[in-house]
Structure formats: C-alpha cells, structure tokens
Amino acid sequence: MVFMESKYLQVVADFPAAKPNHVSPTISPVLVQKAPLSSCEVCVIVPVRNEAQTLMHTLKALLHQVDLQGQRLDPKRYEVIVLLNNCSDNSADIAWSFAKQHQELELHLVEITLPKEQAYIGRVRQLLMDEAYRRLNSIGRKRGIIASTDGDSQVSQTWIAANVHEIAKGADAVGGRIITSSDGRGKLDPYARACFLREVGYRYLIAELESYLDPDPFDPFPRHYQHYGASLAVTVEMYALAGGLPAVRTPEDVAFYNALVRENARFRHSPLVRVTTSARQTGRTNNGLANQLNEWTKMGRQNQVFLVESFQAIDTRLRARHQLRKIWKAVLNGHQVTSNQVVPISDSLGINAEWLVQELTQPNTFGQLFEQVEQRMSYEGVWNARFPYVDIQEAIMDLRRCVKRLRTPS
C-alpha cells in the first residue's frame, strides 16, 4: 500500500507490479482524478525524485511556453503531471508552492512512495506515460501528444510548440536535442569533458552520414541523434501501437525508442525541440549520463583511450542496411528473394545468407527485421572480429572526411 496525494485528491492505492509490454490504462493506477480539459492537446509528464535544486527551473520553463511566432501559448492546450516519487528532500514543498502561485497552469502534482522493487525511473516514467495515454485517449485525442521531460531539465520556450509542429508534419514521435548546461560542463574533470564533447561530435557525424547513406524521409538532415527521456514525445495512437513504455529498469527511453522502431514509427530527431539538462555526476541510474561521466573520469586517471565503433564499420552497416531496406520493400510487393540476391548484404554484415532469406519471408516490419539482423551479427561474431573498436579521435577524423565529400554534390 502507498499513499498518493495530488492537487485534487488524497487516496490510498495498491500499485501493481510493472506490467508486460502492452498498453491497458486499467492496469496502471489512475494518478489524477480530475478529468483533462477538452482543449488539451499535450500531456507533459515529469518524474521527480529529490530534484529540489532544479525543480523550480523545470516548472518555470513549462509555465512560460510560447508558440513558434513567440506568442504566449494558451495554457489550456496542455497540462503537466509531476510525479514526486520517494522524495526525501523538499521537492514536494517546492512543487506545491509553485502550483499555488501559478494556478493558470494546468498542473497536477502526485506524491507516491513506491516499494523498493518498483522505485526506479523506468517504472515511474511508465506510470506517468500510461496516465498521459489514458487521459488523452479519454477525450478522443488519438494524435494527442505524450511529452516527457525530467525534473533536472529545462525545456526551451518553444518546446511544446515545436513538438506539436513536428507531429503536425507527420511524425509519430519526436526526440528533442538535449544539451548540458555550460556551467555544469565547466565543472567536469578535463578528460571527462573532452570525452563528452568528442562523443557528441561523433554521434552528430554518424547522424549526418546516415542521412546520406540510408535516408529517412521523415527524419531528414539537419537532425540529431538523441531519443531520451528528457525530451521525448509520442502520439497517443503510436504509444499504444508500440506497446507503451517497456517494463525495464533502465534505459527505458532507449527501450521505448527501439519499440517504436520495430513498429516503423515515423521518428523525428528534431533540432527545433531543445532541452537543457544537468551535467551532474551523481546519477539516479547505472546507465545515465552521470555514470558515463564518472567512467570517463576514471579512464582519464588510468590513461585509457576512449574506444568507439570505427568509421569503416558504420559506413558498411549503413550501406548494407539501405540495400536490405530496398529488398524488404520489394518482398512486400511480392518479389521472391533468393540467397544470391542477399549474398552481398550478408557478406557485408557477416551473417548467413540462407538465414537472411528466411527472415525476409517473415511478416516483419523493417525495424523488426534489422533488429534480428543485428542480433545475428553479434551471435555469429564475424562483424566484431572484422571491425575492432578504434580511438574516437581517429573515428571522428574519418567521419569528417567522408561527410565532407558527401556534402558536396558531384
């Protein structure tokens, strides 16, 4: 039993264990009793656990939202649900004080104490996103938007409007550009900061290379590479189709992105959607940024090189994926594929050609197919032996040379 308190009610409720990967609003508990406004288009969810230092900034950013022309966004178009779980600081006091001062914002505060086995970010974000799904679905908003951020993050003034803009253009889900505060980066260990900045550059170059070698019409360049909980939006209908947020501890946002990919969701990595987040080195999970920053700090002290996938591996995989996508589309149109047709692809990826032919005959989305291919690549072991990891600085130089050539039309 846990005690749950919101702006509108106080109740005692049993929280069921994390559910299997499917959406049923009757399984997750109802967090907010007050019905959503009929004008609500976006439900913003914010998981909070001991965020007293940053929570006020998070809430202010959500209050002061404008449209893409800079005009105040009608607060009746969106609502915010803050779930304060297992807090031992004064986060709740800050949130309640803010709610009293800014009643023009449709803000729902919920305090819960989850049992230890459920007190992790994956479960908390799942509870919130299921609640947002239930609320928007209850007023018939099939293309309504479930928008996630975090209690240590500040969304840009146009964050809601930019998400709405991308969904209106046809996206099913949107990942926002997440940057760390300059003040936070300045406090990092020098080697950790260098690794962080190099990884950002490396991942950006891969995203650009992908837009040339295996372009996605719904995610054209300029684009970025992030799809994380600090800025992640999805339509109600796609949330249901993808099975909701997977019941994993962490990284739940990456698991959800993979679920979207399996459903061939039109995912947009939008540079218009921006969030600033903390560069703290005391994290809430074992897979978050804080943990990675600490690992880089240790690597610097031990004079370890930051190793990543090589340009050659990235280039080979993207080109093979593009060719495989063409064959998959042909199979959908009735083409009978043979092993000879897939041999160049299977050789590039280091997998068995007959196995690949068999997978192509299965009723898979392309996302499902390529997930199986990557698992097979790992299982057969040829890929890893062929493409050992390299120093990130070497990989960046190779990526830059290739991208520079591709930027200039022949």
Protein backbone atom coordinates (compact mmCIF):
# COMPACT_ATOMS: atom_id res chain seq x y z
CA MET A 1 0.00 0.00 0.00
CA VAL A 2 1.24 3.50 -0.79
CA PHE A 3 -0.12 6.92 -0.01
CA MET A 4 -0.89 9.06 -3.03
CA GLU A 5 -1.64 12.76 -2.88
CA SER A 6 -2.47 15.11 -5.72
CA LYS A 7 -3.76 18.61 -6.22
CA TYR A 8 -7.25 17.21 -6.33
CA LEU A 9 -7.41 14.24 -4.01
CA GLN A 10 -5.87 12.07 -1.35
CA VAL A 11 -6.25 8.34 -1.77
CA VAL A 12 -4.63 5.10 -0.70
CA ALA A 13 -3.92 2.75 -3.58
CA ASP A 14 -2.26 -0.56 -4.37
CA PHE A 15 0.31 -0.28 -7.14
CA PRO A 16 0.52 -3.39 -9.30
CA ALA A 17 3.86 -4.69 -10.43
CA ALA A 18 5.31 -3.40 -13.69
CA LYS A 19 3.15 -4.75 -16.46
CA PRO A 20 4.13 -6.67 -19.58
CA ASN A 21 4.80 -4.69 -22.72
CA HIS A 22 1.28 -3.75 -23.73
CA VAL A 23 -0.97 -0.78 -23.05
CA SER A 24 -4.02 -1.08 -20.86
CA PRO A 25 -4.91 2.02 -18.89
CA THR A 26 -6.87 -0.15 -16.46
CA ILE A 27 -3.68 -1.89 -15.31
CA SER A 28 -1.66 1.14 -14.22
CA PRO A 29 -3.29 3.07 -11.37
CA VAL A 30 -5.10 6.33 -12.02
CA LEU A 31 -2.85 9.13 -10.79
CA VAL A 32 -5.06 12.18 -11.42
CA GLN A 33 -8.79 12.12 -10.74
CA LYS A 34 -9.67 15.45 -12.35
CA ALA A 35 -10.65 14.98 -15.98
CA PRO A 36 -8.47 16.66 -18.61
CA LEU A 37 -9.75 19.79 -20.31
CA SER A 38 -11.39 19.06 -23.66
CA SER A 39 -8.93 21.56 -25.21
CA CYS A 40 -5.89 19.61 -24.01
CA GLU A 41 -3.59 18.54 -26.87
CA VAL A 42 -0.38 17.75 -24.97
CA CYS A 43 0.17 15.99 -21.66
CA VAL A 44 3.64 16.70 -20.27
CA ILE A 45 4.99 14.20 -17.76
CA VAL A 46 7.81 14.94 -15.28
CA PRO A 47 9.25 12.24 -12.99
CA VAL A 48 10.85 13.78 -9.89
CA ARG A 49 12.96 12.27 -7.15
CA ASN A 50 14.97 14.64 -4.97
CA GLU A 51 15.27 17.45 -7.51
CA ALA A 52 14.99 20.40 -5.10
CA GLN A 53 17.91 22.23 -6.73
CA THR A 54 16.43 22.22 -10.23
CA LEU A 55 12.67 21.63 -9.97
CA MET A 56 11.68 25.30 -9.81
CA HIS A 57 13.54 25.96 -13.08
CA THR A 58 11.85 22.93 -14.66
CA LEU A 59 8.38 24.17 -13.73
CA LYS A 60 9.04 27.77 -14.75
CA ALA A 61 10.17 26.61 -18.17
CA LEU A 62 6.91 24.70 -18.63
CA LEU A 63 4.90 27.70 -17.48
CA HIS A 64 6.48 30.19 -19.89
CA GLN A 65 5.75 28.44 -23.18
CA VAL A 66 5.30 30.34 -26.45
CA ASP A 67 4.37 29.35 -29.99
CA LEU A 68 6.84 29.37 -32.88
CA GLN A 69 5.99 33.04 -33.54
CA GLY A 70 6.85 33.97 -29.96
CA GLN A 71 3.27 34.47 -28.75
CA ARG A 72 2.17 33.07 -25.36
CA LEU A 73 0.93 29.51 -25.73
CA ASP A 74 -2.62 29.04 -24.49
CA PRO A 75 -2.19 27.15 -21.18
CA LYS A 76 -5.45 25.30 -21.83
CA ARG A 77 -3.79 23.47 -24.72
CA TYR A 78 -1.54 21.46 -22.42
CA GLU A 79 -1.27 20.04 -18.92
CA VAL A 80 1.63 18.93 -16.75
CA ILE A 81 1.75 15.90 -14.43
CA VAL A 82 4.58 15.86 -11.91
CA LEU A 83 5.11 12.54 -10.13
CA LEU A 84 7.17 13.01 -6.96
CA ASN A 85 8.32 9.54 -6.00
CA ASN A 86 10.21 8.52 -2.86
CA CYS A 87 11.47 12.07 -2.23
CA SER A 88 13.48 12.73 0.93
CA ASP A 89 14.24 16.41 0.22
CA ASN A 90 11.85 19.36 -0.14
CA SER A 91 10.97 18.78 -3.80
CA ALA A 92 7.30 18.35 -2.88
CA ASP A 93 7.20 21.64 -0.94
CA ILE A 94 8.69 23.45 -3.93
CA ALA A 95 6.18 21.91 -6.30
CA TRP A 96 3.16 22.69 -4.09
CA SER A 97 4.30 26.28 -3.56
CA PHE A 98 4.72 26.74 -7.31
CA ALA A 99 1.26 25.27 -8.00
CA LYS A 100 -0.38 27.69 -5.57
CA GLN A 101 1.36 30.68 -7.14
CA HIS A 102 0.61 29.69 -10.76
CA GLN A 103 -2.92 28.32 -10.89
CA GLU A 104 -3.20 29.37 -14.54
CA LEU A 105 -1.04 26.33 -15.36
CA GLU A 106 -2.95 23.04 -15.52
CA LEU A 107 -0.52 21.36 -13.14
CA HIS A 108 -1.22 18.04 -11.40
CA LEU A 109 1.06 17.03 -8.52
CA VAL A 110 1.17 13.44 -7.34
CA GLU A 111 3.24 12.18 -4.42
CA ILE A 112 3.90 8.47 -4.07
CA THR A 113 6.17 6.13 -2.18
CA LEU A 114 6.87 3.13 -4.33
CA PRO A 115 8.17 -0.13 -2.84
CA LYS A 116 11.89 -0.60 -3.32
CA GLU A 117 11.49 -3.08 -6.17
CA GLN A 118 9.49 -0.52 -8.18
CA ALA A 119 11.30 2.68 -7.21
CA TYR A 120 13.25 3.10 -10.44
CA ILE A 121 12.95 5.55 -13.32
CA GLY A 122 11.64 3.03 -15.83
CA ARG A 123 8.63 2.21 -13.66
CA VAL A 124 7.98 5.85 -12.73
CA ARG A 125 8.10 7.04 -16.34
CA GLN A 126 5.88 4.11 -17.33
CA LEU A 127 3.27 5.11 -14.72
CA LEU A 128 3.32 8.68 -15.99
CA MET A 129 3.16 7.90 -19.68
CA ASP A 130 0.36 5.39 -19.15
CA GLU A 131 -1.54 8.09 -17.25
CA ALA A 132 -1.00 10.61 -20.04
CA TYR A 133 -2.16 8.00 -22.55
CA ARG A 134 -5.31 7.30 -20.52
CA ARG A 135 -6.17 10.97 -20.16
CA LEU A 136 -5.67 11.98 -23.78
CA ASN A 137 -7.39 8.85 -25.04
CA SER A 138 -10.39 9.59 -22.79
CA ILE A 139 -11.05 12.83 -24.71
CA GLY A 140 -10.52 11.26 -28.13
CA ARG A 141 -7.07 12.72 -28.85
CA LYS A 142 -5.63 9.91 -30.99
CA ARG A 143 -2.93 12.28 -32.24
CA GLY A 144 -2.64 13.90 -28.84
CA ILE A 145 0.93 14.13 -27.60
CA ILE A 146 2.53 12.47 -24.57
CA ALA A 147 5.62 14.61 -23.91
CA SER A 148 8.30 13.55 -21.43
CA THR A 149 10.96 15.62 -19.69
CA ASP A 150 12.84 15.37 -16.37
CA GLY A 151 13.00 17.20 -13.07
CA ASP A 152 16.61 18.24 -13.66
CA SER A 153 15.91 19.65 -17.14
CA GLN A 154 14.60 22.94 -18.53
CA VAL A 155 12.72 22.84 -21.80
CA SER A 156 13.07 25.71 -24.27
CA GLN A 157 10.26 28.27 -24.53
CA THR A 158 9.04 26.73 -27.78
CA TRP A 159 9.42 23.10 -26.64
CA ILE A 160 5.72 22.25 -26.66
CA ALA A 161 5.03 24.19 -29.86
CA ALA A 162 7.98 22.58 -31.66
CA ASN A 163 6.81 19.08 -30.69
CA VAL A 164 3.30 19.93 -31.90
CA HIS A 165 4.80 21.28 -35.15
CA GLU A 166 6.73 18.06 -35.85
CA ILE A 167 3.73 15.85 -35.06
CA ALA A 168 1.52 18.01 -37.31
CA LYS A 169 4.03 17.44 -40.14
CA GLY A 170 3.50 13.69 -39.85
CA ALA A 171 5.88 12.44 -37.17
CA ASP A 172 4.62 9.77 -34.78
CA ALA A 173 7.30 10.52 -32.20
CA VAL A 174 9.93 13.20 -31.61
CA GLY A 175 13.28 13.21 -29.86
CA GLY A 176 14.48 16.63 -28.73
CA ARG A 177 18.03 17.96 -28.76
CA ILE A 178 19.34 17.67 -25.20
CA ILE A 179 22.27 19.87 -24.23
CA THR A 180 24.06 20.14 -20.91
CA SER A 181 24.45 23.44 -19.12
CA SER A 182 27.75 25.23 -19.79
CA ASP A 183 28.19 25.73 -16.04
CA GLY A 184 27.84 22.01 -15.45
CA ARG A 185 30.27 21.12 -18.22
CA GLY A 186 32.81 23.58 -16.80
CA LYS A 187 32.90 21.65 -13.53
CA LEU A 188 33.68 18.33 -15.17
CA ASP A 189 37.02 16.57 -15.00
CA PRO A 190 39.00 17.71 -18.09
CA TYR A 191 39.24 14.23 -19.60
CA ALA A 192 35.55 13.52 -18.95
CA ARG A 193 34.63 16.83 -20.59
CA ALA A 194 36.81 16.06 -23.62
CA CYS A 195 35.24 12.61 -23.97
CA PHE A 196 31.75 14.06 -23.65
CA LEU A 197 32.33 16.69 -26.35
CA ARG A 198 34.00 14.18 -28.66
CA GLU A 199 31.12 11.74 -28.30
CA VAL A 200 28.63 14.49 -29.17
CA GLY A 201 30.61 15.30 -32.32
CA TYR A 202 31.00 11.63 -33.19
CA ARG A 203 27.28 10.92 -32.82
CA TYR A 204 26.33 14.02 -34.82
CA LEU A 205 28.59 12.96 -37.67
CA ILE A 206 27.03 9.49 -37.69
CA ALA A 207 23.56 11.05 -37.83
CA GLU A 208 24.59 13.16 -40.82
CA LEU A 209 26.23 10.20 -42.55
CA GLU A 210 23.07 8.17 -42.02
CA SER A 211 21.02 10.88 -43.73
CA TYR A 212 23.16 10.43 -46.86
CA LEU A 213 23.63 6.65 -46.93
CA ASP A 214 20.26 5.42 -45.62
CA PRO A 215 17.96 8.46 -45.65
CA ASP A 216 14.67 8.55 -43.80
CA PRO A 217 12.11 10.86 -45.47
CA PHE A 218 10.53 11.58 -42.08
CA ASP A 219 13.85 12.41 -40.41
CA PRO A 220 15.87 14.46 -42.90
CA PHE A 221 19.03 16.39 -42.18
CA PRO A 222 19.52 18.62 -40.21
CA ARG A 223 18.81 16.17 -37.43
CA HIS A 224 20.49 14.91 -34.28
CA TYR A 225 20.87 11.52 -32.64
CA GLN A 226 19.04 11.74 -29.29
CA HIS A 227 15.82 10.00 -28.19
CA TYR A 228 15.97 10.18 -24.41
CA GLY A 229 13.50 10.78 -21.60
CA ALA A 230 14.49 14.41 -21.02
CA SER A 231 12.79 15.24 -24.35
CA LEU A 232 10.69 12.50 -25.86
CA ALA A 233 7.23 12.95 -27.38
CA VAL A 234 4.86 10.39 -28.91
CA THR A 235 1.30 10.36 -30.16
CA VAL A 236 -1.38 8.50 -28.24
CA GLU A 237 -2.01 6.09 -31.10
CA MET A 238 1.67 5.26 -31.57
CA TYR A 239 2.17 4.79 -27.83
CA ALA A 240 -0.50 2.10 -27.92
CA LEU A 241 0.82 0.53 -31.13
CA ALA A 242 4.35 0.30 -29.71
CA GLY A 243 3.03 -1.40 -26.57
CA GLY A 244 3.67 1.51 -24.22
CA LEU A 245 6.86 2.13 -22.32
CA PRO A 246 8.64 -1.22 -21.82
CA ALA A 247 8.83 -2.54 -18.26
CA VAL A 248 12.61 -2.25 -17.94
CA ARG A 249 14.64 -0.58 -15.23
CA THR A 250 16.90 1.46 -17.47
CA PRO A 251 17.50 2.75 -20.09
CA GLU A 252 13.73 2.76 -20.51
CA ASP A 253 13.82 5.57 -23.06
CA VAL A 254 16.14 3.66 -25.38
CA ALA A 255 13.98 0.53 -24.99
CA PHE A 256 10.93 2.59 -25.93
CA TYR A 257 12.71 4.05 -28.97
CA ASN A 258 13.55 0.51 -30.09
CA ALA A 259 9.89 -0.46 -29.65
CA LEU A 260 8.91 2.48 -31.87
CA VAL A 261 11.46 1.46 -34.49
CA ARG A 262 10.01 -2.07 -34.50
CA GLU A 263 6.66 -0.52 -35.44
CA ASN A 264 8.20 1.57 -38.25
CA ALA A 265 7.20 4.72 -36.37
CA ARG A 266 7.93 7.98 -38.17
CA PHE A 267 10.51 9.23 -35.69
CA ARG A 268 11.88 12.77 -35.96
CA HIS A 269 15.15 13.79 -34.30
CA SER A 270 14.19 17.46 -34.35
CA PRO A 271 16.70 20.31 -33.93
CA LEU A 272 13.71 22.61 -33.22
CA VAL A 273 12.94 20.78 -29.97
CA ARG A 274 15.52 21.70 -27.33
CA VAL A 275 16.13 20.97 -23.65
CA THR A 276 18.94 21.88 -21.26
CA THR A 277 19.77 19.26 -18.66
CA SER A 278 22.10 18.79 -15.73
CA ALA A 279 25.67 17.56 -16.12
CA ARG A 280 25.70 16.25 -12.57
CA GLN A 281 27.99 13.38 -11.70
CA THR A 282 25.72 11.84 -9.08
CA GLY A 283 23.17 9.90 -11.06
CA ARG A 284 19.88 8.09 -10.48
CA THR A 285 20.64 5.07 -12.70
CA ASN A 286 23.57 2.90 -13.71
CA ASN A 287 23.18 3.77 -17.40
CA GLY A 288 22.70 7.53 -17.33
CA LEU A 289 24.93 10.45 -18.23
CA ALA A 290 26.23 10.85 -14.68
CA ASN A 291 27.50 7.27 -14.65
CA GLN A 292 29.17 7.75 -18.05
CA LEU A 293 30.86 10.96 -16.90
CA ASN A 294 32.27 9.11 -13.91
CA GLU A 295 33.52 6.32 -16.16
CA TRP A 296 35.32 8.82 -18.36
CA THR A 297 36.89 10.42 -15.29
CA LYS A 298 38.23 7.01 -14.22
CA MET A 299 39.51 6.35 -17.74
CA GLY A 300 41.44 9.63 -17.67
CA ARG A 301 43.11 8.75 -14.40
CA GLN A 302 44.09 5.36 -15.81
CA ASN A 303 45.24 6.80 -19.16
CA GLN A 304 42.68 4.72 -21.05
CA VAL A 305 41.75 5.58 -24.64
CA PHE A 306 38.07 6.21 -25.45
CA LEU A 307 37.27 3.46 -27.99
CA VAL A 308 34.27 3.53 -30.34
CA GLU A 309 32.99 1.82 -33.48
CA SER A 310 35.15 2.68 -36.48
CA PHE A 311 34.07 4.71 -39.49
CA GLN A 312 34.53 1.63 -41.68
CA ALA A 313 32.07 -0.34 -39.57
CA ILE A 314 29.50 2.46 -39.52
CA ASP A 315 29.78 3.07 -43.26
CA THR A 316 29.50 -0.66 -44.07
CA ARG A 317 26.45 -1.17 -41.84
CA LEU A 318 24.57 1.88 -43.17
CA ARG A 319 25.15 0.94 -46.81
CA ALA A 320 24.12 -2.67 -46.19
CA ARG A 321 21.03 -1.54 -44.27
CA HIS A 322 19.99 0.67 -47.16
CA GLN A 323 20.28 -2.20 -49.64
CA LEU A 324 18.43 -4.54 -47.30
CA ARG A 325 15.63 -1.97 -46.94
CA LYS A 326 15.22 -1.97 -50.75
CA ILE A 327 14.94 -5.76 -50.84
CA TRP A 328 12.48 -5.76 -47.91
CA LYS A 329 10.24 -3.30 -49.79
CA ALA A 330 10.44 -5.46 -52.91
CA VAL A 331 9.37 -8.53 -50.89
CA LEU A 332 6.39 -6.56 -49.57
CA ASN A 333 5.40 -6.00 -53.20
CA GLY A 334 5.50 -9.71 -53.97
CA HIS A 335 9.13 -10.19 -55.08
CA GLN A 336 10.56 -13.66 -54.43
CA VAL A 337 14.01 -13.16 -52.94
CA THR A 338 16.86 -15.66 -53.40
CA SER A 339 20.08 -16.22 -51.48
CA ASN A 340 22.14 -14.93 -54.43
CA GLN A 341 20.40 -11.57 -54.16
CA VAL A 342 21.22 -11.14 -50.49
CA VAL A 343 24.78 -12.55 -50.52
CA PRO A 344 26.44 -9.11 -50.94
CA ILE A 345 24.49 -7.85 -47.93
CA SER A 346 25.02 -10.94 -45.79
CA ASP A 347 28.75 -10.90 -46.59
CA SER A 348 28.99 -7.23 -45.61
CA LEU A 349 27.25 -7.85 -42.30
CA GLY A 350 28.92 -11.17 -41.56
CA ILE A 351 25.73 -13.24 -41.37
CA ASN A 352 24.39 -16.37 -43.04
CA ALA A 353 22.65 -15.68 -46.38
CA GLU A 354 20.11 -18.50 -46.05
CA TRP A 355 19.11 -17.26 -42.61
CA LEU A 356 18.61 -13.77 -44.04
CA VAL A 357 16.42 -15.05 -46.87
CA GLN A 358 14.28 -16.90 -44.32
CA GLU A 359 13.89 -13.72 -42.20
CA LEU A 360 12.85 -11.75 -45.26
CA THR A 361 9.93 -14.13 -45.78
CA GLN A 362 8.60 -13.46 -42.28
CA PRO A 363 5.89 -10.81 -41.65
CA ASN A 364 8.32 -8.37 -40.05
CA THR A 365 8.43 -4.60 -40.16
CA PHE A 366 11.80 -3.36 -41.31
CA GLY A 367 12.58 -2.32 -37.76
CA GLN A 368 11.92 -5.84 -36.53
CA LEU A 369 13.95 -7.32 -39.37
CA PHE A 370 17.03 -5.23 -38.78
CA GLU A 371 16.88 -5.81 -35.03
CA GLN A 372 17.04 -9.53 -35.78
CA VAL A 373 19.91 -8.91 -38.18
CA GLU A 374 21.93 -7.04 -35.54
CA GLN A 375 21.36 -9.83 -33.04
CA ARG A 376 22.54 -12.33 -35.64
CA MET A 377 25.63 -10.22 -36.34
CA SER A 378 26.53 -10.41 -32.66
CA TYR A 379 25.78 -14.13 -32.49
CA GLU A 380 27.93 -15.09 -35.49
CA GLY A 381 30.86 -12.95 -34.31
CA VAL A 382 32.25 -12.14 -37.75
CA TRP A 383 31.40 -8.45 -37.52
CA ASN A 384 33.23 -7.78 -34.26
CA ALA A 385 36.30 -9.64 -35.45
CA ARG A 386 36.32 -7.69 -38.72
CA PHE A 387 35.82 -4.25 -37.19
CA PRO A 388 37.65 -3.74 -33.88
CA TYR A 389 36.97 -0.51 -32.00
CA VAL A 390 39.27 2.47 -32.53
CA ASP A 391 40.26 5.69 -30.76
CA ILE A 392 37.34 8.12 -31.02
CA GLN A 393 39.61 10.83 -32.44
CA GLU A 394 40.53 8.55 -35.34
CA ALA A 395 36.87 7.72 -35.97
CA ILE A 396 35.92 11.42 -35.94
CA MET A 397 38.61 12.30 -38.50
CA ASP A 398 37.45 9.52 -40.84
CA LEU A 399 33.80 10.50 -40.44
CA ARG A 400 34.58 14.16 -41.15
CA ARG A 401 36.43 13.31 -44.35
CA CYS A 402 33.57 11.18 -45.64
CA VAL A 403 30.80 13.59 -44.65
CA LYS A 404 32.68 16.50 -46.25
CA ARG A 405 32.73 14.62 -49.56
CA LEU A 406 29.05 13.74 -49.32
CA ARG A 407 28.03 17.31 -48.51
CA THR A 408 29.34 18.47 -51.88
CA PRO A 409 27.17 17.26 -54.79
CA SER A 410 29.20 15.55 -57.52
